[in-house]
Amino acid sequence: MQFPWQAFLLFTLNLLDAVFTLFWVDNGFATEGNQLMASVLDAGYLPFLIVKIGVGAIASFVVWRWSNLKAAKYGSTFAVSIYIGVMGIHFFTGLSAFGILSETTVNDVAVWSDNLLAFFI
């Protein structure tokens, strides 16, 4: 049986998202963007990690278990694409937090991304 790379990648990106989010929130650089997960984060770091890792594990299992279906293949590709975008947000957050990007540059990127998103919606 072939190793489920896409399920592994999905879970790994989910885990990295959780770790980076906790780091940025704990150090005051960012807030949780997902309002549902923000309310879980308000309950504490452990509940946040349990829910985040649990959801990631379930999603990865579903992707692995039904990987022969087209819907699972397209869905996992979409989810991994979204998480790669989220990693980009974490990357820019890090550059901003450590003073590598100026506030003006961060605002310009935010306006650019808003315009790009508005174009697709």
PDB file of N, CA and C in Angstrom:
ATOM      1  N   MET A   1       0.845  -1.190   0.000  1.00  0.00           N
ATOM      2  CA  MET A   1       0.000   0.000   0.000  1.00  0.00           C
ATOM      3  C   MET A   1       0.884   1.245   0.000  1.00  0.00           C
ATOM      4  N   GLN A   2       0.519   2.200  -0.788  1.00  0.00           N
ATOM      5  CA  GLN A   2       1.280   3.440  -0.909  1.00  0.00           C
ATOM      6  C   GLN A   2       1.078   4.316   0.322  1.00  0.00           C
ATOM      7  N   PHE A   3       2.150   5.025   0.733  1.00  0.00           N
ATOM      8  CA  PHE A   3       2.060   5.927   1.877  1.00  0.00           C
ATOM      9  C   PHE A   3       1.109   7.075   1.536  1.00  0.00           C
ATOM     10  N   PRO A   4       0.196   7.409   2.446  1.00  0.00           N
ATOM     11  CA  PRO A   4      -0.803   8.466   2.176  1.00  0.00           C
ATOM     12  C   PRO A   4      -0.211   9.868   2.335  1.00  0.00           C
ATOM     13  N   TRP A   5       0.578  10.291   1.358  1.00  0.00           N
ATOM     14  CA  TRP A   5       1.274  11.578   1.443  1.00  0.00           C
ATOM     15  C   TRP A   5       0.327  12.756   1.620  1.00  0.00           C
ATOM     16  N   GLN A   6      -0.779  12.746   0.909  1.00  0.00           N
ATOM     17  CA  GLN A   6      -1.666  13.895   0.986  1.00  0.00           C
ATOM     18  C   GLN A   6      -2.324  13.996   2.362  1.00  0.00           C
ATOM     19  N   ALA A   7      -2.716  12.864   2.932  1.00  0.00           N
ATOM     20  CA  ALA A   7      -3.294  12.865   4.280  1.00  0.00           C
ATOM     21  C   ALA A   7      -2.248  13.291   5.301  1.00  0.00           C
ATOM     22  N   PHE A   8      -1.014  12.808   5.130  1.00  0.00           N
ATOM     23  CA  PHE A   8       0.077  13.186   6.025  1.00  0.00           C
ATOM     24  C   PHE A   8       0.368  14.680   5.930  1.00  0.00           C
ATOM     25  N   LEU A   9       0.404  15.201   4.718  1.00  0.00           N
ATOM     26  CA  LEU A   9       0.652  16.627   4.502  1.00  0.00           C
ATOM     27  C   LEU A   9      -0.465  17.471   5.111  1.00  0.00           C
ATOM     28  N   LEU A  10      -1.703  17.043   4.928  1.00  0.00           N
ATOM     29  CA  LEU A  10      -2.839  17.767   5.495  1.00  0.00           C
ATOM     30  C   LEU A  10      -2.732  17.825   7.015  1.00  0.00           C
ATOM     31  N   PHE A  11      -2.429  16.696   7.645  1.00  0.00           N
ATOM     32  CA  PHE A  11      -2.308  16.676   9.103  1.00  0.00           C
ATOM     33  C   PHE A  11      -1.125  17.520   9.569  1.00  0.00           C
ATOM     34  N   THR A  12      -0.004  17.416   8.871  1.00  0.00           N
ATOM     35  CA  THR A  12       1.189  18.179   9.252  1.00  0.00           C
ATOM     36  C   THR A  12       0.948  19.684   9.147  1.00  0.00           C
ATOM     37  N   LEU A  13       0.318  20.120   8.068  1.00  0.00           N
ATOM     38  CA  LEU A  13       0.013  21.550   7.919  1.00  0.00           C
ATOM     39  C   LEU A  13      -0.966  22.016   8.989  1.00  0.00           C
ATOM     40  N   ASN A  14      -1.928  21.179   9.343  1.00  0.00           N
ATOM     41  CA  ASN A  14      -2.877  21.496  10.400  1.00  0.00           C
ATOM     42  C   ASN A  14      -2.149  21.654  11.737  1.00  0.00           C
ATOM     43  N   LEU A  15      -1.223  20.748  12.013  1.00  0.00           N
ATOM     44  CA  LEU A  15      -0.454  20.806  13.256  1.00  0.00           C
ATOM     45  C   LEU A  15       0.426  22.062  13.296  1.00  0.00           C
ATOM     46  N   LEU A  16       1.090  22.358  12.182  1.00  0.00           N
ATOM     47  CA  LEU A  16       1.908  23.574  12.118  1.00  0.00           C
ATOM     48  C   LEU A  16       1.057  24.827  12.317  1.00  0.00           C
ATOM     49  N   ASP A  17      -0.131  24.842  11.730  1.00  0.00           N
ATOM     50  CA  ASP A  17      -1.040  25.967  11.907  1.00  0.00           C
ATOM     51  C   ASP A  17      -1.364  26.154  13.386  1.00  0.00           C
ATOM     52  N   ALA A  18      -1.634  25.072  14.088  1.00  0.00           N
ATOM     53  CA  ALA A  18      -1.951  25.147  15.520  1.00  0.00           C
ATOM     54  C   ALA A  18      -0.765  25.701  16.316  1.00  0.00           C
ATOM     55  N   VAL A  19       0.427  25.184  16.047  1.00  0.00           N
ATOM     56  CA  VAL A  19       1.625  25.614  16.780  1.00  0.00           C
ATOM     57  C   VAL A  19       1.937  27.082  16.507  1.00  0.00           C
ATOM     58  N   PHE A  20       1.925  27.468  15.226  1.00  0.00           N
ATOM     59  CA  PHE A  20       2.197  28.867  14.886  1.00  0.00           C
ATOM     60  C   PHE A  20       1.138  29.802  15.478  1.00  0.00           C
ATOM     61  N   THR A  21      -0.116  29.401  15.410  1.00  0.00           N
ATOM     62  CA  THR A  21      -1.185  30.222  15.962  1.00  0.00           C
ATOM     63  C   THR A  21      -0.970  30.454  17.456  1.00  0.00           C
ATOM     64  N   LEU A  22      -0.671  29.392  18.185  1.00  0.00           N
ATOM     65  CA  LEU A  22      -0.439  29.546  19.624  1.00  0.00           C
ATOM     66  C   LEU A  22       0.766  30.442  19.897  1.00  0.00           C
ATOM     67  N   PHE A  23       1.812  30.316  19.088  1.00  0.00           N
ATOM     68  CA  PHE A  23       2.990  31.162  19.281  1.00  0.00           C
ATOM     69  C   PHE A  23       2.654  32.633  19.050  1.00  0.00           C
ATOM     70  N   TRP A  24       1.979  32.936  17.933  1.00  0.00           N
ATOM     71  CA  TRP A  24       1.654  34.330  17.620  1.00  0.00           C
ATOM     72  C   TRP A  24       0.686  34.915  18.642  1.00  0.00           C
ATOM     73  N   VAL A  25      -0.315  34.133  19.041  1.00  0.00           N
ATOM     74  CA  VAL A  25      -1.303  34.620  20.015  1.00  0.00           C
ATOM     75  C   VAL A  25      -0.648  34.820  21.376  1.00  0.00           C
ATOM     76  N   ASP A  26       0.171  33.856  21.801  1.00  0.00           N
ATOM     77  CA  ASP A  26       0.819  33.935  23.107  1.00  0.00           C
ATOM     78  C   ASP A  26       1.748  35.136  23.210  1.00  0.00           C
ATOM     79  N   ASN A  27       2.387  35.488  22.115  1.00  0.00           N
ATOM     80  CA  ASN A  27       3.311  36.628  22.117  1.00  0.00           C
ATOM     81  C   ASN A  27       2.657  37.940  21.710  1.00  0.00           C
ATOM     82  N   GLY A  28       1.345  37.923  21.473  1.00  0.00           N
ATOM     83  CA  GLY A  28       0.610  39.150  21.194  1.00  0.00           C
ATOM     84  C   GLY A  28       0.763  39.683  19.782  1.00  0.00           C
ATOM     85  N   PHE A  29       1.239  38.858  18.856  1.00  0.00           N
ATOM     86  CA  PHE A  29       1.434  39.315  17.485  1.00  0.00           C
ATOM     87  C   PHE A  29       0.196  39.173  16.623  1.00  0.00           C
ATOM     88  N   ALA A  30      -0.712  38.288  17.004  1.00  0.00           N
ATOM     89  CA  ALA A  30      -1.879  38.022  16.163  1.00  0.00           C
ATOM     90  C   ALA A  30      -3.013  37.474  17.027  1.00  0.00           C
ATOM     91  N   THR A  31      -4.176  37.367  16.406  1.00  0.00           N
ATOM     92  CA  THR A  31      -5.323  36.721  17.030  1.00  0.00           C
ATOM     93  C   THR A  31      -5.762  35.579  16.120  1.00  0.00           C
ATOM     94  N   GLU A  32      -6.547  34.674  16.648  1.00  0.00           N
ATOM     95  CA  GLU A  32      -7.069  33.572  15.832  1.00  0.00           C
ATOM     96  C   GLU A  32      -8.096  34.130  14.865  1.00  0.00           C
ATOM     97  N   GLY A  33      -7.924  33.861  13.574  1.00  0.00           N
ATOM     98  CA  GLY A  33      -8.818  34.383  12.539  1.00  0.00           C
ATOM     99  C   GLY A  33     -10.134  33.642  12.437  1.00  0.00           C
ATOM    100  N   ASN A  34     -10.151  32.376  12.792  1.00  0.00           N
ATOM    101  CA  ASN A  34     -11.362  31.560  12.748  1.00  0.00           C
ATOM    102  C   ASN A  34     -12.141  31.793  14.045  1.00  0.00           C
ATOM    103  N   GLN A  35     -13.325  32.368  13.941  1.00  0.00           N
ATOM    104  CA  GLN A  35     -14.075  32.747  15.146  1.00  0.00           C
ATOM    105  C   GLN A  35     -14.466  31.551  16.011  1.00  0.00           C
ATOM    106  N   LEU A  36     -14.762  30.426  15.384  1.00  0.00           N
ATOM    107  CA  LEU A  36     -15.090  29.223  16.149  1.00  0.00           C
ATOM    108  C   LEU A  36     -13.872  28.751  16.947  1.00  0.00           C
ATOM    109  N   MET A  37     -12.726  28.700  16.298  1.00  0.00           N
ATOM    110  CA  MET A  37     -11.514  28.280  16.995  1.00  0.00           C
ATOM    111  C   MET A  37     -11.053  29.347  17.990  1.00  0.00           C
ATOM    112  N   ALA A  38     -11.368  30.606  17.747  1.00  0.00           N
ATOM    113  CA  ALA A  38     -11.035  31.661  18.707  1.00  0.00           C
ATOM    114  C   ALA A  38     -11.787  31.451  20.017  1.00  0.00           C
ATOM    115  N   SER A  39     -13.042  31.023  19.925  1.00  0.00           N
ATOM    116  CA  SER A  39     -13.801  30.760  21.147  1.00  0.00           C
ATOM    117  C   SER A  39     -13.246  29.540  21.873  1.00  0.00           C
ATOM    118  N   VAL A  40     -12.757  28.549  21.136  1.00  0.00           N
ATOM    119  CA  VAL A  40     -12.113  27.390  21.781  1.00  0.00           C
ATOM    120  C   VAL A  40     -10.791  27.830  22.408  1.00  0.00           C
ATOM    121  N   LEU A  41     -10.063  28.693  21.738  1.00  0.00           N
ATOM    122  CA  LEU A  41      -8.795  29.203  22.270  1.00  0.00           C
ATOM    123  C   LEU A  41      -9.015  30.005  23.542  1.00  0.00           C
ATOM    124  N   ASP A  42     -10.151  30.690  23.635  1.00  0.00           N
ATOM    125  CA  ASP A  42     -10.476  31.427  24.863  1.00  0.00           C
ATOM    126  C   ASP A  42     -10.600  30.483  26.061  1.00  0.00           C
ATOM    127  N   ALA A  43     -10.941  29.222  25.802  1.00  0.00           N
ATOM    128  CA  ALA A  43     -11.060  28.230  26.879  1.00  0.00           C
ATOM    129  C   ALA A  43      -9.687  27.735  27.331  1.00  0.00           C
ATOM    130  N   GLY A  44      -8.662  27.984  26.544  1.00  0.00           N
ATOM    131  CA  GLY A  44      -7.308  27.580  26.919  1.00  0.00           C
ATOM    132  C   GLY A  44      -6.564  26.937  25.769  1.00  0.00           C
ATOM    133  N   TYR A  45      -5.257  26.799  25.972  1.00  0.00           N
ATOM    134  CA  TYR A  45      -4.416  26.236  24.921  1.00  0.00           C
ATOM    135  C   TYR A  45      -4.679  24.743  24.728  1.00  0.00           C
ATOM    136  N   LEU A  46      -4.861  24.008  25.819  1.00  0.00           N
ATOM    137  CA  LEU A  46      -5.085  22.565  25.697  1.00  0.00           C
ATOM    138  C   LEU A  46      -6.375  22.242  24.953  1.00  0.00           C
ATOM    139  N   PRO A  47      -7.516  22.865  25.294  1.00  0.00           N
ATOM    140  CA  PRO A  47      -8.724  22.594  24.499  1.00  0.00           C
ATOM    141  C   PRO A  47      -8.541  22.960  23.025  1.00  0.00           C
ATOM    142  N   PHE A  48      -7.831  24.058  22.770  1.00  0.00           N
ATOM    143  CA  PHE A  48      -7.575  24.467  21.394  1.00  0.00           C
ATOM    144  C   PHE A  48      -6.792  23.389  20.650  1.00  0.00           C
ATOM    145  N   LEU A  49      -5.711  22.906  21.270  1.00  0.00           N
ATOM    146  CA  LEU A  49      -4.903  21.873  20.625  1.00  0.00           C
ATOM    147  C   LEU A  49      -5.678  20.579  20.428  1.00  0.00           C
ATOM    148  N   ILE A  50      -6.479  20.195  21.419  1.00  0.00           N
ATOM    149  CA  ILE A  50      -7.261  18.962  21.305  1.00  0.00           C
ATOM    150  C   ILE A  50      -8.236  19.060  20.131  1.00  0.00           C
ATOM    151  N   VAL A  51      -8.959  20.168  20.041  1.00  0.00           N
ATOM    152  CA  VAL A  51      -9.933  20.335  18.954  1.00  0.00           C
ATOM    153  C   VAL A  51      -9.220  20.440  17.609  1.00  0.00           C
ATOM    154  N   LYS A  52      -8.187  21.258  17.537  1.00  0.00           N
ATOM    155  CA  LYS A  52      -7.470  21.477  16.271  1.00  0.00           C
ATOM    156  C   LYS A  52      -6.842  20.181  15.760  1.00  0.00           C
ATOM    157  N   ILE A  53      -6.149  19.466  16.636  1.00  0.00           N
ATOM    158  CA  ILE A  53      -5.507  18.220  16.230  1.00  0.00           C
ATOM    159  C   ILE A  53      -6.559  17.148  15.951  1.00  0.00           C
ATOM    160  N   GLY A  54      -7.632  17.140  16.733  1.00  0.00           N
ATOM    161  CA  GLY A  54      -8.712  16.170  16.497  1.00  0.00           C
ATOM    162  C   GLY A  54      -9.364  16.354  15.142  1.00  0.00           C
ATOM    163  N   VAL A  55      -9.677  17.588  14.800  1.00  0.00           N
ATOM    164  CA  VAL A  55     -10.284  17.870  13.492  1.00  0.00           C
ATOM    165  C   VAL A  55      -9.306  17.508  12.375  1.00  0.00           C
ATOM    166  N   GLY A  56      -8.040  17.849  12.557  1.00  0.00           N
ATOM    167  CA  GLY A  56      -7.033  17.509  11.551  1.00  0.00           C
ATOM    168  C   GLY A  56      -6.861  16.009  11.384  1.00  0.00           C
ATOM    169  N   ALA A  57      -6.900  15.287  12.492  1.00  0.00           N
ATOM    170  CA  ALA A  57      -6.767  13.822  12.432  1.00  0.00           C
ATOM    171  C   ALA A  57      -7.963  13.193  11.727  1.00  0.00           C
ATOM    172  N   ILE A  58      -9.150  13.670  12.032  1.00  0.00           N
ATOM    173  CA  ILE A  58     -10.353  13.136  11.383  1.00  0.00           C
ATOM    174  C   ILE A  58     -10.328  13.436   9.889  1.00  0.00           C
ATOM    175  N   ALA A  59      -9.988  14.668   9.531  1.00  0.00           N
ATOM    176  CA  ALA A  59      -9.922  15.031   8.103  1.00  0.00           C
ATOM    177  C   ALA A  59      -8.871  14.198   7.382  1.00  0.00           C
ATOM    178  N   SER A  60      -7.724  14.001   8.003  1.00  0.00           N
ATOM    179  CA  SER A  60      -6.666  13.200   7.379  1.00  0.00           C
ATOM    180  C   SER A  60      -7.082  11.745   7.237  1.00  0.00           C
ATOM    181  N   PHE A  61      -7.780  11.230   8.233  1.00  0.00           N
ATOM    182  CA  PHE A  61      -8.269   9.856   8.149  1.00  0.00           C
ATOM    183  C   PHE A  61      -9.263   9.705   6.998  1.00  0.00           C
ATOM    184  N   VAL A  62     -10.174  10.664   6.880  1.00  0.00           N
ATOM    185  CA  VAL A  62     -11.171  10.607   5.801  1.00  0.00           C
ATOM    186  C   VAL A  62     -10.478  10.655   4.439  1.00  0.00           C
ATOM    187  N   VAL A  63      -9.496  11.526   4.310  1.00  0.00           N
ATOM    188  CA  VAL A  63      -8.750  11.629   3.055  1.00  0.00           C
ATOM    189  C   VAL A  63      -8.040  10.310   2.755  1.00  0.00           C
ATOM    190  N   TRP A  64      -7.423   9.712   3.780  1.00  0.00           N
ATOM    191  CA  TRP A  64      -6.720   8.449   3.574  1.00  0.00           C
ATOM    192  C   TRP A  64      -7.684   7.304   3.264  1.00  0.00           C
ATOM    193  N   ARG A  65      -8.754   7.207   4.044  1.00  0.00           N
ATOM    194  CA  ARG A  65      -9.683   6.079   3.929  1.00  0.00           C
ATOM    195  C   ARG A  65     -10.398   6.057   2.573  1.00  0.00           C
ATOM    196  N   TRP A  66     -10.791   7.225   2.090  1.00  0.00           N
ATOM    197  CA  TRP A  66     -11.541   7.293   0.841  1.00  0.00           C
ATOM    198  C   TRP A  66     -10.720   7.955  -0.266  1.00  0.00           C
ATOM    199  N   SER A  67      -9.425   7.728  -0.224  1.00  0.00           N
ATOM    200  CA  SER A  67      -8.532   8.363  -1.205  1.00  0.00           C
ATOM    201  C   SER A  67      -8.778   7.879  -2.639  1.00  0.00           C
ATOM    202  N   ASN A  68      -9.501   6.784  -2.786  1.00  0.00           N
ATOM    203  CA  ASN A  68      -9.795   6.293  -4.132  1.00  0.00           C
ATOM    204  C   ASN A  68     -10.931   7.066  -4.808  1.00  0.00           C
ATOM    205  N   LEU A  69     -11.672   7.861  -4.055  1.00  0.00           N
ATOM    206  CA  LEU A  69     -12.783   8.637  -4.607  1.00  0.00           C
ATOM    207  C   LEU A  69     -12.290   9.988  -5.123  1.00  0.00           C
ATOM    208  N   LYS A  70     -12.860  10.427  -6.229  1.00  0.00           N
ATOM    209  CA  LYS A  70     -12.484  11.731  -6.792  1.00  0.00           C
ATOM    210  C   LYS A  70     -12.772  12.873  -5.825  1.00  0.00           C
ATOM    211  N   ALA A  71     -13.895  12.790  -5.117  1.00  0.00           N
ATOM    212  CA  ALA A  71     -14.258  13.857  -4.174  1.00  0.00           C
ATOM    213  C   ALA A  71     -13.190  14.011  -3.097  1.00  0.00           C
ATOM    214  N   ALA A  72     -12.656  12.898  -2.613  1.00  0.00           N
ATOM    215  CA  ALA A  72     -11.604  12.953  -1.590  1.00  0.00           C
ATOM    216  C   ALA A  72     -10.327  13.550  -2.166  1.00  0.00           C
ATOM    217  N   LYS A  73     -10.011  13.191  -3.396  1.00  0.00           N
ATOM    218  CA  LYS A  73      -8.805  13.729  -4.037  1.00  0.00           C
ATOM    219  C   LYS A  73      -8.920  15.237  -4.244  1.00  0.00           C
ATOM    220  N   TYR A  74     -10.062  15.671  -4.769  1.00  0.00           N
ATOM    221  CA  TYR A  74     -10.258  17.113  -4.978  1.00  0.00           C
ATOM    222  C   TYR A  74     -10.350  17.855  -3.650  1.00  0.00           C
ATOM    223  N   GLY A  75     -11.062  17.275  -2.703  1.00  0.00           N
ATOM    224  CA  GLY A  75     -11.212  17.910  -1.396  1.00  0.00           C
ATOM    225  C   GLY A  75      -9.891  18.048  -0.666  1.00  0.00           C
ATOM    226  N   SER A  76      -9.073  17.012  -0.711  1.00  0.00           N
ATOM    227  CA  SER A  76      -7.779  17.091  -0.033  1.00  0.00           C
ATOM    228  C   SER A  76      -6.850  18.069  -0.733  1.00  0.00           C
ATOM    229  N   THR A  77      -6.905  18.118  -2.058  1.00  0.00           N
ATOM    230  CA  THR A  77      -6.094  19.092  -2.794  1.00  0.00           C
ATOM    231  C   THR A  77      -6.513  20.513  -2.434  1.00  0.00           C
ATOM    232  N   PHE A  78      -7.818  20.736  -2.334  1.00  0.00           N
ATOM    233  CA  PHE A  78      -8.328  22.049  -1.948  1.00  0.00           C
ATOM    234  C   PHE A  78      -7.887  22.404  -0.525  1.00  0.00           C
ATOM    235  N   ALA A  79      -8.030  21.450   0.408  1.00  0.00           N
ATOM    236  CA  ALA A  79      -7.663  21.698   1.810  1.00  0.00           C
ATOM    237  C   ALA A  79      -6.170  21.977   1.953  1.00  0.00           C
ATOM    238  N   VAL A  80      -5.347  21.213   1.260  1.00  0.00           N
ATOM    239  CA  VAL A  80      -3.899  21.438   1.320  1.00  0.00           C
ATOM    240  C   VAL A  80      -3.562  22.807   0.723  1.00  0.00           C
ATOM    241  N   SER A  81      -4.231  23.190  -0.352  1.00  0.00           N
ATOM    242  CA  SER A  81      -4.013  24.521  -0.951  1.00  0.00           C
ATOM    243  C   SER A  81      -4.358  25.628   0.031  1.00  0.00           C
ATOM    244  N   ILE A  82      -5.477  25.469   0.724  1.00  0.00           N
ATOM    245  CA  ILE A  82      -5.868  26.465   1.727  1.00  0.00           C
ATOM    246  C   ILE A  82      -4.817  26.546   2.827  1.00  0.00           C
ATOM    247  N   TYR A  83      -4.354  25.396   3.309  1.00  0.00           N
ATOM    248  CA  TYR A  83      -3.347  25.395   4.375  1.00  0.00           C
ATOM    249  C   TYR A  83      -2.022  25.979   3.913  1.00  0.00           C
ATOM    250  N   ILE A  84      -1.673  25.802   2.661  1.00  0.00           N
ATOM    251  CA  ILE A  84      -0.457  26.443   2.151  1.00  0.00           C
ATOM    252  C   ILE A  84      -0.623  27.958   2.190  1.00  0.00           C
ATOM    253  N   GLY A  85      -1.824  28.443   1.854  1.00  0.00           N
ATOM    254  CA  GLY A  85      -2.110  29.875   1.989  1.00  0.00           C
ATOM    255  C   GLY A  85      -2.026  30.335   3.433  1.00  0.00           C
ATOM    256  N   VAL A  86      -2.520  29.518   4.348  1.00  0.00           N
ATOM    257  CA  VAL A  86      -2.446  29.844   5.782  1.00  0.00           C
ATOM    258  C   VAL A  86      -0.986  29.899   6.231  1.00  0.00           C
ATOM    259  N   MET A  87      -0.153  29.001   5.708  1.00  0.00           N
ATOM    260  CA  MET A  87       1.274  29.038   6.047  1.00  0.00           C
ATOM    261  C   MET A  87       1.910  30.330   5.529  1.00  0.00           C
ATOM    262  N   GLY A  88       1.434  30.812   4.382  1.00  0.00           N
ATOM    263  CA  GLY A  88       1.900  32.102   3.880  1.00  0.00           C
ATOM    264  C   GLY A  88       1.540  33.232   4.832  1.00  0.00           C
ATOM    265  N   ILE A  89       0.336  33.168   5.388  1.00  0.00           N
ATOM    266  CA  ILE A  89      -0.075  34.178   6.370  1.00  0.00           C
ATOM    267  C   ILE A  89       0.820  34.106   7.602  1.00  0.00           C
ATOM    268  N   HIS A  90       1.107  32.902   8.066  1.00  0.00           N
ATOM    269  CA  HIS A  90       2.022  32.746   9.211  1.00  0.00           C
ATOM    270  C   HIS A  90       3.411  33.290   8.875  1.00  0.00           C
ATOM    271  N   PHE A  91       3.855  33.061   7.653  1.00  0.00           N
ATOM    272  CA  PHE A  91       5.160  33.558   7.221  1.00  0.00           C
ATOM    273  C   PHE A  91       5.198  35.083   7.282  1.00  0.00           C
ATOM    274  N   PHE A  92       4.184  35.737   6.728  1.00  0.00           N
ATOM    275  CA  PHE A  92       4.129  37.204   6.776  1.00  0.00           C
ATOM    276  C   PHE A  92       3.967  37.711   8.201  1.00  0.00           C
ATOM    277  N   THR A  93       3.232  36.981   9.023  1.00  0.00           N
ATOM    278  CA  THR A  93       3.107  37.360  10.434  1.00  0.00           C
ATOM    279  C   THR A  93       4.475  37.328  11.101  1.00  0.00           C
ATOM    280  N   GLY A  94       5.254  36.291  10.808  1.00  0.00           N
ATOM    281  CA  GLY A  94       6.592  36.183  11.376  1.00  0.00           C
ATOM    282  C   GLY A  94       7.507  37.296  10.904  1.00  0.00           C
ATOM    283  N   LEU A  95       7.466  37.589   9.610  1.00  0.00           N
ATOM    284  CA  LEU A  95       8.297  38.678   9.090  1.00  0.00           C
ATOM    285  C   LEU A  95       7.930  40.000   9.736  1.00  0.00           C
ATOM    286  N   SER A  96       6.649  40.216   9.948  1.00  0.00           N
ATOM    287  CA  SER A  96       6.195  41.445  10.591  1.00  0.00           C
ATOM    288  C   SER A  96       6.555  41.460  12.074  1.00  0.00           C
ATOM    289  N   ALA A  97       6.356  40.334  12.744  1.00  0.00           N
ATOM    290  CA  ALA A  97       6.613  40.258  14.178  1.00  0.00           C
ATOM    291  C   ALA A  97       8.081  40.488  14.515  1.00  0.00           C
ATOM    292  N   PHE A  98       8.954  40.020  13.658  1.00  0.00           N
ATOM    293  CA  PHE A  98      10.385  40.168  13.915  1.00  0.00           C
ATOM    294  C   PHE A  98      10.971  41.429  13.282  1.00  0.00           C
ATOM    295  N   GLY A  99      10.104  42.306  12.760  1.00  0.00           N
ATOM    296  CA  GLY A  99      10.533  43.605  12.263  1.00  0.00           C
ATOM    297  C   GLY A  99      11.171  43.586  10.890  1.00  0.00           C
ATOM    298  N   ILE A 100      11.039  42.509  10.166  1.00  0.00           N
ATOM    299  CA  ILE A 100      11.639  42.429   8.830  1.00  0.00           C
ATOM    300  C   ILE A 100      10.782  43.179   7.812  1.00  0.00           C
ATOM    301  N   LEU A 101       9.467  43.142   7.998  1.00  0.00           N
ATOM    302  CA  LEU A 101       8.551  43.899   7.143  1.00  0.00           C
ATOM    303  C   LEU A 101       8.026  45.097   7.914  1.00  0.00           C
ATOM    304  N   SER A 102       7.938  46.219   7.239  1.00  0.00           N
ATOM    305  CA  SER A 102       7.380  47.404   7.880  1.00  0.00           C
ATOM    306  C   SER A 102       5.858  47.299   7.939  1.00  0.00           C
ATOM    307  N   GLU A 103       5.257  48.102   8.784  1.00  0.00           N
ATOM    308  CA  GLU A 103       3.794  48.098   8.901  1.00  0.00           C
ATOM    309  C   GLU A 103       3.145  48.528   7.586  1.00  0.00           C
ATOM    310  N   THR A 104       3.777  49.445   6.876  1.00  0.00           N
ATOM    311  CA  THR A 104       3.256  49.896   5.584  1.00  0.00           C
ATOM    312  C   THR A 104       3.220  48.743   4.579  1.00  0.00           C
ATOM    313  N   THR A 105       4.273  47.955   4.550  1.00  0.00           N
ATOM    314  CA  THR A 105       4.322  46.810   3.636  1.00  0.00           C
ATOM    315  C   THR A 105       3.240  45.798   3.979  1.00  0.00           C
ATOM    316  N   VAL A 106       3.068  45.534   5.268  1.00  0.00           N
ATOM    317  CA  VAL A 106       2.037  44.591   5.706  1.00  0.00           C
ATOM    318  C   VAL A 106       0.661  45.098   5.298  1.00  0.00           C
ATOM    319  N   ASN A 107       0.404  46.401   5.468  1.00  0.00           N
ATOM    320  CA  ASN A 107      -0.878  46.979   5.063  1.00  0.00           C
ATOM    321  C   ASN A 107      -1.077  46.895   3.553  1.00  0.00           C
ATOM    322  N   ASP A 108      -0.005  47.130   2.784  1.00  0.00           N
ATOM    323  CA  ASP A 108      -0.096  47.016   1.326  1.00  0.00           C
ATOM    324  C   ASP A 108      -0.440  45.584   0.908  1.00  0.00           C
ATOM    325  N   VAL A 109       0.176  44.602   1.544  1.00  0.00           N
ATOM    326  CA  VAL A 109      -0.110  43.194   1.238  1.00  0.00           C
ATOM    327  C   VAL A 109      -1.553  42.867   1.609  1.00  0.00           C
ATOM    328  N   ALA A 110      -2.030  43.418   2.730  1.00  0.00           N
ATOM    329  CA  ALA A 110      -3.415  43.169   3.156  1.00  0.00           C
ATOM    330  C   ALA A 110      -4.403  43.740   2.146  1.00  0.00           C
ATOM    331  N   VAL A 111      -4.149  44.942   1.655  1.00  0.00           N
ATOM    332  CA  VAL A 111      -5.025  45.558   0.662  1.00  0.00           C
ATOM    333  C   VAL A 111      -4.983  44.747  -0.634  1.00  0.00           C
ATOM    334  N   TRP A 112      -3.784  44.337  -1.059  1.00  0.00           N
ATOM    335  CA  TRP A 112      -3.637  43.538  -2.270  1.00  0.00           C
ATOM    336  C   TRP A 112      -4.399  42.220  -2.156  1.00  0.00           C
ATOM    337  N   SER A 113      -4.271  41.550  -1.008  1.00  0.00           N
ATOM    338  CA  SER A 113      -4.959  40.265  -0.847  1.00  0.00           C
ATOM    339  C   SER A 113      -6.470  40.451  -0.765  1.00  0.00           C
ATOM    340  N   ASP A 114      -6.931  41.541  -0.144  1.00  0.00           N
ATOM    341  CA  ASP A 114      -8.370  41.824  -0.111  1.00  0.00           C
ATOM    342  C   ASP A 114      -8.910  42.044  -1.524  1.00  0.00           C
ATOM    343  N   ASN A 115      -8.171  42.783  -2.323  1.00  0.00           N
ATOM    344  CA  ASN A 115      -8.595  43.028  -3.702  1.00  0.00           C
ATOM    345  C   ASN A 115      -8.608  41.740  -4.519  1.00  0.00           C
ATOM    346  N   LEU A 116      -7.605  40.902  -4.303  1.00  0.00           N
ATOM    347  CA  LEU A 116      -7.563  39.627  -5.021  1.00  0.00           C
ATOM    348  C   LEU A 116      -8.722  38.736  -4.610  1.00  0.00           C
ATOM    349  N   LEU A 117      -9.012  38.676  -3.324  1.00  0.00           N
ATOM    350  CA  LEU A 117     -10.132  37.872  -2.840  1.00  0.00           C
ATOM    351  C   LEU A 117     -11.455  38.416  -3.367  1.00  0.00           C
ATOM    352  N   ALA A 118     -11.608  39.738  -3.388  1.00  0.00           N
ATOM    353  CA  ALA A 118     -12.837  40.347  -3.898  1.00  0.00           C
ATOM    354  C   ALA A 118     -13.015  40.033  -5.384  1.00  0.00           C
ATOM    355  N   PHE A 119     -11.917  39.914  -6.113  1.00  0.00           N
ATOM    356  CA  PHE A 119     -12.003  39.578  -7.528  1.00  0.00           C
ATOM    357  C   PHE A 119     -12.616  38.196  -7.731  1.00  0.00           C
ATOM    358  N   PHE A 120     -12.271  37.245  -6.859  1.00  0.00           N
ATOM    359  CA  PHE A 120     -12.775  35.880  -7.011  1.00  0.00           C
ATOM    360  C   PHE A 120     -14.150  35.676  -6.403  1.00  0.00           C
ATOM    361  N   ILE A 121     -14.547  36.544  -5.535  1.00  0.00           N
ATOM    362  CA  ILE A 121     -15.870  36.415  -4.902  1.00  0.00           C
ATOM    363  C   ILE A 121     -16.815  37.315  -5.603  1.00  0.00           C
TER     364      ILE A 121
END
